[in-house]
Amino acid sequence: MPAVLIVKANVASYDPWRTAYDSFHAFRRENGVTGDEVYCSPEDMTSILVLQFFDTVEAAQAFASNPGLAEAMRSSGVIGAPRLTITETV
C-alpha cells in the first residue's frame, strides 16, 4: 500500500535549508520517494513539515533509516532531532 513519511523539523534558516533540500532531489528519487510536498508555518518559516510519498511502507522505512538521510538533514541546517512518522493508505 502507498505510504507517506511525515517529517516535522526546525531549521536554522528556511532559504538555505530549501536550497539544500532541493539539491537532494536525485537522492530522494533513487531511494524510493515518488513525490514530496513542503510546508512551513506562516508564523515561523523555520518550522517545516515535509510529506514524502512511497509505493510501500517498507520503502518509507528504508528511507527513514538511511544514514544518507540523517547526513542530508544535518548538512541542510535541521536543528535537533526531526520527528518522523510513517503512515499508509487504508
PDB file of N, CA and C in Angstrom:
ATOM      1  N   MET A   1       0.833  -1.189   0.000  1.00  0.00           N
ATOM      2  CA  MET A   1       0.000   0.000   0.000  1.00  0.00           C
ATOM      3  C   MET A   1       0.879   1.254   0.000  1.00  0.00           C
ATOM      4  N   PRO A   2       0.419   2.310  -0.624  1.00  0.00           N
ATOM      5  CA  PRO A   2       1.178   3.570  -0.610  1.00  0.00           C
ATOM      6  C   PRO A   2       1.397   4.077   0.810  1.00  0.00           C
ATOM      7  N   ALA A   3       2.521   4.749   1.004  1.00  0.00           N
ATOM      8  CA  ALA A   3       2.883   5.252   2.321  1.00  0.00           C
ATOM      9  C   ALA A   3       3.385   6.684   2.224  1.00  0.00           C
ATOM     10  N   VAL A   4       3.316   7.375   3.358  1.00  0.00           N
ATOM     11  CA  VAL A   4       3.807   8.745   3.463  1.00  0.00           C
ATOM     12  C   VAL A   4       4.733   8.837   4.667  1.00  0.00           C
ATOM     13  N   LEU A   5       5.906   9.404   4.445  1.00  0.00           N
ATOM     14  CA  LEU A   5       6.812   9.744   5.538  1.00  0.00           C
ATOM     15  C   LEU A   5       6.570  11.215   5.855  1.00  0.00           C
ATOM     16  N   ILE A   6       6.160  11.486   7.088  1.00  0.00           N
ATOM     17  CA  ILE A   6       5.908  12.852   7.536  1.00  0.00           C
ATOM     18  C   ILE A   6       7.111  13.287   8.368  1.00  0.00           C
ATOM     19  N   VAL A   7       7.739  14.374   7.951  1.00  0.00           N
ATOM     20  CA  VAL A   7       8.913  14.894   8.647  1.00  0.00           C
ATOM     21  C   VAL A   7       8.563  16.264   9.213  1.00  0.00           C
ATOM     22  N   LYS A   8       8.659  16.395  10.537  1.00  0.00           N
ATOM     23  CA  LYS A   8       8.477  17.694  11.195  1.00  0.00           C
ATOM     24  C   LYS A   8       9.823  18.079  11.776  1.00  0.00           C
ATOM     25  N   ALA A   9      10.287  19.282  11.440  1.00  0.00           N
ATOM     26  CA  ALA A   9      11.618  19.693  11.893  1.00  0.00           C
ATOM     27  C   ALA A   9      11.694  21.204  12.015  1.00  0.00           C
ATOM     28  N   ASN A  10      12.697  21.641  12.738  1.00  0.00           N
ATOM     29  CA  ASN A  10      13.047  23.053  12.797  1.00  0.00           C
ATOM     30  C   ASN A  10      14.373  23.221  12.073  1.00  0.00           C
ATOM     31  N   VAL A  11      14.484  24.315  11.337  1.00  0.00           N
ATOM     32  CA  VAL A  11      15.697  24.584  10.578  1.00  0.00           C
ATOM     33  C   VAL A  11      16.263  25.933  10.993  1.00  0.00           C
ATOM     34  N   ALA A  12      17.563  26.091  10.813  1.00  0.00           N
ATOM     35  CA  ALA A  12      18.221  27.343  11.194  1.00  0.00           C
ATOM     36  C   ALA A  12      17.692  28.508  10.371  1.00  0.00           C
ATOM     37  N   SER A  13      17.509  28.286   9.072  1.00  0.00           N
ATOM     38  CA  SER A  13      17.021  29.328   8.171  1.00  0.00           C
ATOM     39  C   SER A  13      16.388  28.636   6.971  1.00  0.00           C
ATOM     40  N   TYR A  14      15.193  29.081   6.581  1.00  0.00           N
ATOM     41  CA  TYR A  14      14.455  28.389   5.531  1.00  0.00           C
ATOM     42  C   TYR A  14      15.179  28.389   4.192  1.00  0.00           C
ATOM     43  N   ASP A  15      15.623  29.533   3.713  1.00  0.00           N
ATOM     44  CA  ASP A  15      16.184  29.606   2.359  1.00  0.00           C
ATOM     45  C   ASP A  15      17.383  28.679   2.158  1.00  0.00           C
ATOM     46  N   PRO A  16      18.385  28.694   3.051  1.00  0.00           N
ATOM     47  CA  PRO A  16      19.494  27.738   2.872  1.00  0.00           C
ATOM     48  C   PRO A  16      19.033  26.285   2.989  1.00  0.00           C
ATOM     49  N   TRP A  17      18.097  26.045   3.906  1.00  0.00           N
ATOM     50  CA  TRP A  17      17.579  24.675   4.043  1.00  0.00           C
ATOM     51  C   TRP A  17      16.912  24.247   2.737  1.00  0.00           C
ATOM     52  N   ARG A  18      16.084  25.116   2.148  1.00  0.00           N
ATOM     53  CA  ARG A  18      15.356  24.756   0.927  1.00  0.00           C
ATOM     54  C   ARG A  18      16.312  24.497  -0.227  1.00  0.00           C
ATOM     55  N   THR A  19      17.360  25.303  -0.323  1.00  0.00           N
ATOM     56  CA  THR A  19      18.360  25.086  -1.368  1.00  0.00           C
ATOM     57  C   THR A  19      18.992  23.709  -1.209  1.00  0.00           C
ATOM     58  N   ALA A  20      19.355  23.356   0.033  1.00  0.00           N
ATOM     59  CA  ALA A  20      19.946  22.040   0.293  1.00  0.00           C
ATOM     60  C   ALA A  20      18.940  20.927   0.019  1.00  0.00           C
ATOM     61  N   TYR A  21      17.698  21.114   0.464  1.00  0.00           N
ATOM     62  CA  TYR A  21      16.653  20.111   0.234  1.00  0.00           C
ATOM     63  C   TYR A  21      16.483  19.845  -1.262  1.00  0.00           C
ATOM     64  N   ASP A  22      16.384  20.904  -2.028  1.00  0.00           N
ATOM     65  CA  ASP A  22      16.209  20.753  -3.472  1.00  0.00           C
ATOM     66  C   ASP A  22      17.405  20.059  -4.123  1.00  0.00           C
ATOM     67  N   SER A  23      18.599  20.266  -3.589  1.00  0.00           N
ATOM     68  CA  SER A  23      19.795  19.651  -4.173  1.00  0.00           C
ATOM     69  C   SER A  23      19.834  18.134  -3.950  1.00  0.00           C
ATOM     70  N   PHE A  24      19.011  17.629  -3.036  1.00  0.00           N
ATOM     71  CA  PHE A  24      18.966  16.191  -2.754  1.00  0.00           C
ATOM     72  C   PHE A  24      17.830  15.491  -3.504  1.00  0.00           C
ATOM     73  N   HIS A  25      17.308  16.133  -4.537  1.00  0.00           N
ATOM     74  CA  HIS A  25      16.206  15.562  -5.325  1.00  0.00           C
ATOM     75  C   HIS A  25      16.561  14.167  -5.857  1.00  0.00           C
ATOM     76  N   ALA A  26      17.706  14.036  -6.468  1.00  0.00           N
ATOM     77  CA  ALA A  26      18.109  12.739  -7.041  1.00  0.00           C
ATOM     78  C   ALA A  26      18.240  11.680  -5.955  1.00  0.00           C
ATOM     79  N   PHE A  27      18.796  12.050  -4.798  1.00  0.00           N
ATOM     80  CA  PHE A  27      18.932  11.109  -3.680  1.00  0.00           C
ATOM     81  C   PHE A  27      17.558  10.589  -3.258  1.00  0.00           C
ATOM     82  N   ARG A  28      16.585  11.502  -3.160  1.00  0.00           N
ATOM     83  CA  ARG A  28      15.242  11.085  -2.763  1.00  0.00           C
ATOM     84  C   ARG A  28      14.664  10.108  -3.780  1.00  0.00           C
ATOM     85  N   ARG A  29      14.748  10.432  -5.050  1.00  0.00           N
ATOM     86  CA  ARG A  29      14.180   9.567  -6.097  1.00  0.00           C
ATOM     87  C   ARG A  29      14.885   8.203  -6.138  1.00  0.00           C
ATOM     88  N   GLU A  30      16.215   8.204  -5.991  1.00  0.00           N
ATOM     89  CA  GLU A  30      16.977   6.951  -6.007  1.00  0.00           C
ATOM     90  C   GLU A  30      16.639   6.064  -4.815  1.00  0.00           C
ATOM     91  N   ASN A  31      16.076   6.659  -3.772  1.00  0.00           N
ATOM     92  CA  ASN A  31      15.766   5.903  -2.560  1.00  0.00           C
ATOM     93  C   ASN A  31      14.264   5.755  -2.331  1.00  0.00           C
ATOM     94  N   GLY A  32      13.486   5.801  -3.408  1.00  0.00           N
ATOM     95  CA  GLY A  32      12.086   5.418  -3.330  1.00  0.00           C
ATOM     96  C   GLY A  32      11.052   6.508  -3.169  1.00  0.00           C
ATOM     97  N   VAL A  33      11.457   7.768  -3.028  1.00  0.00           N
ATOM     98  CA  VAL A  33      10.477   8.841  -2.890  1.00  0.00           C
ATOM     99  C   VAL A  33       9.845   9.090  -4.259  1.00  0.00           C
ATOM    100  N   THR A  34       8.525   8.949  -4.328  1.00  0.00           N
ATOM    101  CA  THR A  34       7.821   9.127  -5.599  1.00  0.00           C
ATOM    102  C   THR A  34       7.266  10.542  -5.763  1.00  0.00           C
ATOM    103  N   GLY A  35       7.228  11.296  -4.692  1.00  0.00           N
ATOM    104  CA  GLY A  35       6.753  12.672  -4.714  1.00  0.00           C
ATOM    105  C   GLY A  35       6.936  13.285  -3.334  1.00  0.00           C
ATOM    106  N   ASP A  36       6.888  14.589  -3.254  1.00  0.00           N
ATOM    107  CA  ASP A  36       7.046  15.236  -1.956  1.00  0.00           C
ATOM    108  C   ASP A  36       6.371  16.600  -1.971  1.00  0.00           C
ATOM    109  N   GLU A  37       6.044  17.075  -0.776  1.00  0.00           N
ATOM    110  CA  GLU A  37       5.456  18.394  -0.579  1.00  0.00           C
ATOM    111  C   GLU A  37       6.112  19.011   0.653  1.00  0.00           C
ATOM    112  N   VAL A  38       6.353  20.315   0.600  1.00  0.00           N
ATOM    113  CA  VAL A  38       6.992  21.026   1.707  1.00  0.00           C
ATOM    114  C   VAL A  38       6.055  22.125   2.182  1.00  0.00           C
ATOM    115  N   TYR A  39       5.885  22.216   3.489  1.00  0.00           N
ATOM    116  CA  TYR A  39       5.044  23.230   4.109  1.00  0.00           C
ATOM    117  C   TYR A  39       5.832  23.937   5.207  1.00  0.00           C
ATOM    118  N   CYS A  40       5.495  25.202   5.438  1.00  0.00           N
ATOM    119  CA  CYS A  40       6.088  25.967   6.535  1.00  0.00           C
ATOM    120  C   CYS A  40       4.976  26.648   7.307  1.00  0.00           C
ATOM    121  N   SER A  41       5.239  26.889   8.565  1.00  0.00           N
ATOM    122  CA  SER A  41       4.314  27.662   9.375  1.00  0.00           C
ATOM    123  C   SER A  41       4.335  29.107   8.892  1.00  0.00           C
ATOM    124  N   PRO A  42       3.175  29.724   8.667  1.00  0.00           N
ATOM    125  CA  PRO A  42       3.181  31.119   8.219  1.00  0.00           C
ATOM    126  C   PRO A  42       3.741  32.075   9.277  1.00  0.00           C
ATOM    127  N   GLU A  43       3.713  31.658  10.517  1.00  0.00           N
ATOM    128  CA  GLU A  43       4.249  32.489  11.591  1.00  0.00           C
ATOM    129  C   GLU A  43       5.741  32.274  11.827  1.00  0.00           C
ATOM    130  N   ASP A  44       6.272  31.139  11.346  1.00  0.00           N
ATOM    131  CA  ASP A  44       7.666  30.799  11.643  1.00  0.00           C
ATOM    132  C   ASP A  44       8.223  29.944  10.514  1.00  0.00           C
ATOM    133  N   MET A  45       8.943  30.578   9.594  1.00  0.00           N
ATOM    134  CA  MET A  45       9.487  29.863   8.431  1.00  0.00           C
ATOM    135  C   MET A  45      10.580  28.854   8.793  1.00  0.00           C
ATOM    136  N   THR A  46      10.937  28.764  10.062  1.00  0.00           N
ATOM    137  CA  THR A  46      11.928  27.765  10.457  1.00  0.00           C
ATOM    138  C   THR A  46      11.270  26.478  10.949  1.00  0.00           C
ATOM    139  N   SER A  47       9.947  26.441  10.980  1.00  0.00           N
ATOM    140  CA  SER A  47       9.197  25.245  11.361  1.00  0.00           C
ATOM    141  C   SER A  47       8.642  24.626  10.083  1.00  0.00           C
ATOM    142  N   ILE A  48       9.183  23.467   9.703  1.00  0.00           N
ATOM    143  CA  ILE A  48       8.805  22.863   8.424  1.00  0.00           C
ATOM    144  C   ILE A  48       8.101  21.527   8.611  1.00  0.00           C
ATOM    145  N   LEU A  49       7.303  21.198   7.613  1.00  0.00           N
ATOM    146  CA  LEU A  49       6.631  19.909   7.526  1.00  0.00           C
ATOM    147  C   LEU A  49       6.847  19.407   6.108  1.00  0.00           C
ATOM    148  N   VAL A  50       7.381  18.204   5.974  1.00  0.00           N
ATOM    149  CA  VAL A  50       7.642  17.621   4.656  1.00  0.00           C
ATOM    150  C   VAL A  50       6.878  16.310   4.562  1.00  0.00           C
ATOM    151  N   LEU A  51       6.152  16.142   3.470  1.00  0.00           N
ATOM    152  CA  LEU A  51       5.489  14.878   3.167  1.00  0.00           C
ATOM    153  C   LEU A  51       6.235  14.241   2.008  1.00  0.00           C
ATOM    154  N   GLN A  52       6.666  12.989   2.208  1.00  0.00           N
ATOM    155  CA  GLN A  52       7.361  12.260   1.146  1.00  0.00           C
ATOM    156  C   GLN A  52       6.587  10.971   0.892  1.00  0.00           C
ATOM    157  N   PHE A  53       6.282  10.732  -0.375  1.00  0.00           N
ATOM    158  CA  PHE A  53       5.408   9.635  -0.761  1.00  0.00           C
ATOM    159  C   PHE A  53       6.219   8.448  -1.283  1.00  0.00           C
ATOM    160  N   PHE A  54       5.748   7.244  -0.955  1.00  0.00           N
ATOM    161  CA  PHE A  54       6.416   5.991  -1.318  1.00  0.00           C
ATOM    162  C   PHE A  54       5.387   4.985  -1.805  1.00  0.00           C
ATOM    163  N   ASP A  55       5.839   3.993  -2.538  1.00  0.00           N
ATOM    164  CA  ASP A  55       4.958   2.928  -3.012  1.00  0.00           C
ATOM    165  C   ASP A  55       4.567   1.964  -1.894  1.00  0.00           C
ATOM    166  N   THR A  56       5.464   1.796  -0.897  1.00  0.00           N
ATOM    167  CA  THR A  56       5.212   0.845   0.190  1.00  0.00           C
ATOM    168  C   THR A  56       5.712   1.399   1.518  1.00  0.00           C
ATOM    169  N   VAL A  57       5.190   0.848   2.599  1.00  0.00           N
ATOM    170  CA  VAL A  57       5.667   1.192   3.934  1.00  0.00           C
ATOM    171  C   VAL A  57       7.132   0.795   4.071  1.00  0.00           C
ATOM    172  N   GLU A  58       7.490  -0.349   3.522  1.00  0.00           N
ATOM    173  CA  GLU A  58       8.874  -0.823   3.621  1.00  0.00           C
ATOM    174  C   GLU A  58       9.842   0.158   2.969  1.00  0.00           C
ATOM    175  N   ALA A  59       9.452   0.725   1.833  1.00  0.00           N
ATOM    176  CA  ALA A  59      10.309   1.713   1.168  1.00  0.00           C
ATOM    177  C   ALA A  59      10.458   2.959   2.037  1.00  0.00           C
ATOM    178  N   ALA A  60       9.373   3.387   2.670  1.00  0.00           N
ATOM    179  CA  ALA A  60       9.427   4.553   3.561  1.00  0.00           C
ATOM    180  C   ALA A  60      10.316   4.262   4.765  1.00  0.00           C
ATOM    181  N   GLN A  61      10.201   3.086   5.333  1.00  0.00           N
ATOM    182  CA  GLN A  61      11.030   2.702   6.478  1.00  0.00           C
ATOM    183  C   GLN A  61      12.503   2.656   6.105  1.00  0.00           C
ATOM    184  N   ALA A  62      12.802   2.102   4.942  1.00  0.00           N
ATOM    185  CA  ALA A  62      14.192   2.034   4.492  1.00  0.00           C
ATOM    186  C   ALA A  62      14.759   3.433   4.299  1.00  0.00           C
ATOM    187  N   PHE A  63      13.983   4.335   3.722  1.00  0.00           N
ATOM    188  CA  PHE A  63      14.440   5.705   3.517  1.00  0.00           C
ATOM    189  C   PHE A  63      14.645   6.409   4.856  1.00  0.00           C
ATOM    190  N   ALA A  64      13.710   6.246   5.775  1.00  0.00           N
ATOM    191  CA  ALA A  64      13.797   6.913   7.071  1.00  0.00           C
ATOM    192  C   ALA A  64      15.023   6.468   7.863  1.00  0.00           C
ATOM    193  N   SER A  65      15.457   5.227   7.656  1.00  0.00           N
ATOM    194  CA  SER A  65      16.622   4.717   8.396  1.00  0.00           C
ATOM    195  C   SER A  65      17.926   4.836   7.604  1.00  0.00           C
ATOM    196  N   ASN A  66      17.884   5.410   6.429  1.00  0.00           N
ATOM    197  CA  ASN A  66      19.061   5.565   5.581  1.00  0.00           C
ATOM    198  C   ASN A  66      20.020   6.585   6.208  1.00  0.00           C
ATOM    199  N   PRO A  67      21.292   6.206   6.452  1.00  0.00           N
ATOM    200  CA  PRO A  67      22.251   7.152   7.021  1.00  0.00           C
ATOM    201  C   PRO A  67      22.434   8.406   6.156  1.00  0.00           C
ATOM    202  N   GLY A  68      22.230   8.278   4.846  1.00  0.00           N
ATOM    203  CA  GLY A  68      22.337   9.437   3.961  1.00  0.00           C
ATOM    204  C   GLY A  68      21.282  10.479   4.250  1.00  0.00           C
ATOM    205  N   LEU A  69      20.101  10.051   4.684  1.00  0.00           N
ATOM    206  CA  LEU A  69      19.048  10.996   5.051  1.00  0.00           C
ATOM    207  C   LEU A  69      19.458  11.783   6.287  1.00  0.00           C
ATOM    208  N   ALA A  70      19.976  11.097   7.290  1.00  0.00           N
ATOM    209  CA  ALA A  70      20.419  11.781   8.511  1.00  0.00           C
ATOM    210  C   ALA A  70      21.509  12.801   8.184  1.00  0.00           C
ATOM    211  N   GLU A  71      22.437  12.444   7.332  1.00  0.00           N
ATOM    212  CA  GLU A  71      23.506  13.369   6.949  1.00  0.00           C
ATOM    213  C   GLU A  71      22.950  14.547   6.163  1.00  0.00           C
ATOM    214  N   ALA A  72      22.022  14.284   5.257  1.00  0.00           N
ATOM    215  CA  ALA A  72      21.411  15.370   4.485  1.00  0.00           C
ATOM    216  C   ALA A  72      20.689  16.350   5.405  1.00  0.00           C
ATOM    217  N   MET A  73      20.010  15.835   6.408  1.00  0.00           N
ATOM    218  CA  MET A  73      19.317  16.719   7.351  1.00  0.00           C
ATOM    219  C   MET A  73      20.308  17.569   8.135  1.00  0.00           C
ATOM    220  N   ARG A  74      21.360  16.929   8.615  1.00  0.00           N
ATOM    221  CA  ARG A  74      22.383  17.666   9.374  1.00  0.00           C
ATOM    222  C   ARG A  74      23.002  18.770   8.533  1.00  0.00           C
ATOM    223  N   SER A  75      23.373  18.423   7.311  1.00  0.00           N
ATOM    224  CA  SER A  75      24.082  19.386   6.467  1.00  0.00           C
ATOM    225  C   SER A  75      23.168  20.494   5.942  1.00  0.00           C
ATOM    226  N   SER A  76      21.855  20.279   5.956  1.00  0.00           N
ATOM    227  CA  SER A  76      20.930  21.281   5.436  1.00  0.00           C
ATOM    228  C   SER A  76      20.515  22.324   6.470  1.00  0.00           C
ATOM    229  N   GLY A  77      20.881  22.094   7.731  1.00  0.00           N
ATOM    230  CA  GLY A  77      20.532  23.067   8.765  1.00  0.00           C
ATOM    231  C   GLY A  77      19.382  22.670   9.663  1.00  0.00           C
ATOM    232  N   VAL A  78      19.000  21.385   9.660  1.00  0.00           N
ATOM    233  CA  VAL A  78      17.968  20.928  10.589  1.00  0.00           C
ATOM    234  C   VAL A  78      18.533  21.020  12.004  1.00  0.00           C
ATOM    235  N   ILE A  79      17.752  21.605  12.887  1.00  0.00           N
ATOM    236  CA  ILE A  79      18.158  21.795  14.276  1.00  0.00           C
ATOM    237  C   ILE A  79      17.496  20.717  15.138  1.00  0.00           C
ATOM    238  N   GLY A  80      18.306  20.012  15.924  1.00  0.00           N
ATOM    239  CA  GLY A  80      17.765  18.983  16.804  1.00  0.00           C
ATOM    240  C   GLY A  80      17.306  17.772  16.012  1.00  0.00           C
ATOM    241  N   ALA A  81      16.587  16.920  16.710  1.00  0.00           N
ATOM    242  CA  ALA A  81      16.102  15.691  16.085  1.00  0.00           C
ATOM    243  C   ALA A  81      14.750  15.939  15.420  1.00  0.00           C
ATOM    244  N   PRO A  82      14.640  15.661  14.130  1.00  0.00           N
ATOM    245  CA  PRO A  82      13.346  15.801  13.467  1.00  0.00           C
ATOM    246  C   PRO A  82      12.399  14.695  13.937  1.00  0.00           C
ATOM    247  N   ARG A  83      11.119  14.940  13.817  1.00  0.00           N
ATOM    248  CA  ARG A  83      10.133  13.911  14.146  1.00  0.00           C
ATOM    249  C   ARG A  83       9.677  13.259  12.853  1.00  0.00           C
ATOM    250  N   LEU A  84       9.868  11.946  12.746  1.00  0.00           N
ATOM    251  CA  LEU A  84       9.500  11.184  11.552  1.00  0.00           C
ATOM    252  C   LEU A  84       8.337  10.254  11.878  1.00  0.00           C
ATOM    253  N   THR A  85       7.317  10.285  11.036  1.00  0.00           N
ATOM    254  CA  THR A  85       6.154   9.411  11.205  1.00  0.00           C
ATOM    255  C   THR A  85       5.830   8.788   9.855  1.00  0.00           C
ATOM    256  N   ILE A  86       5.600   7.495   9.834  1.00  0.00           N
ATOM    257  CA  ILE A  86       5.219   6.809   8.602  1.00  0.00           C
ATOM    258  C   ILE A  86       3.751   6.418   8.711  1.00  0.00           C
ATOM    259  N   THR A  87       2.982   6.759   7.687  1.00  0.00           N
ATOM    260  CA  THR A  87       1.582   6.374   7.616  1.00  0.00           C
ATOM    261  C   THR A  87       1.343   5.652   6.303  1.00  0.00           C
ATOM    262  N   GLU A  88       0.244   4.904   6.219  1.00  0.00           N
ATOM    263  CA  GLU A  88      -0.078   4.232   4.969  1.00  0.00           C
ATOM    264  C   GLU A  88      -1.535   4.458   4.614  1.00  0.00           C
ATOM    265  N   THR A  89      -1.828   4.344   3.341  1.00  0.00           N
ATOM    266  CA  THR A  89      -3.199   4.460   2.874  1.00  0.00           C
ATOM    267  C   THR A  89      -3.976   3.232   3.330  1.00  0.00           C
ATOM    268  N   VAL A  90      -5.160   3.463   3.885  1.00  0.00           N
ATOM    269  CA  VAL A  90      -6.003   2.334   4.334  1.00  0.00           C
ATOM    270  C   VAL A  90      -7.368   2.415   3.690  1.00  0.00           C
TER     271      VAL A  90
END
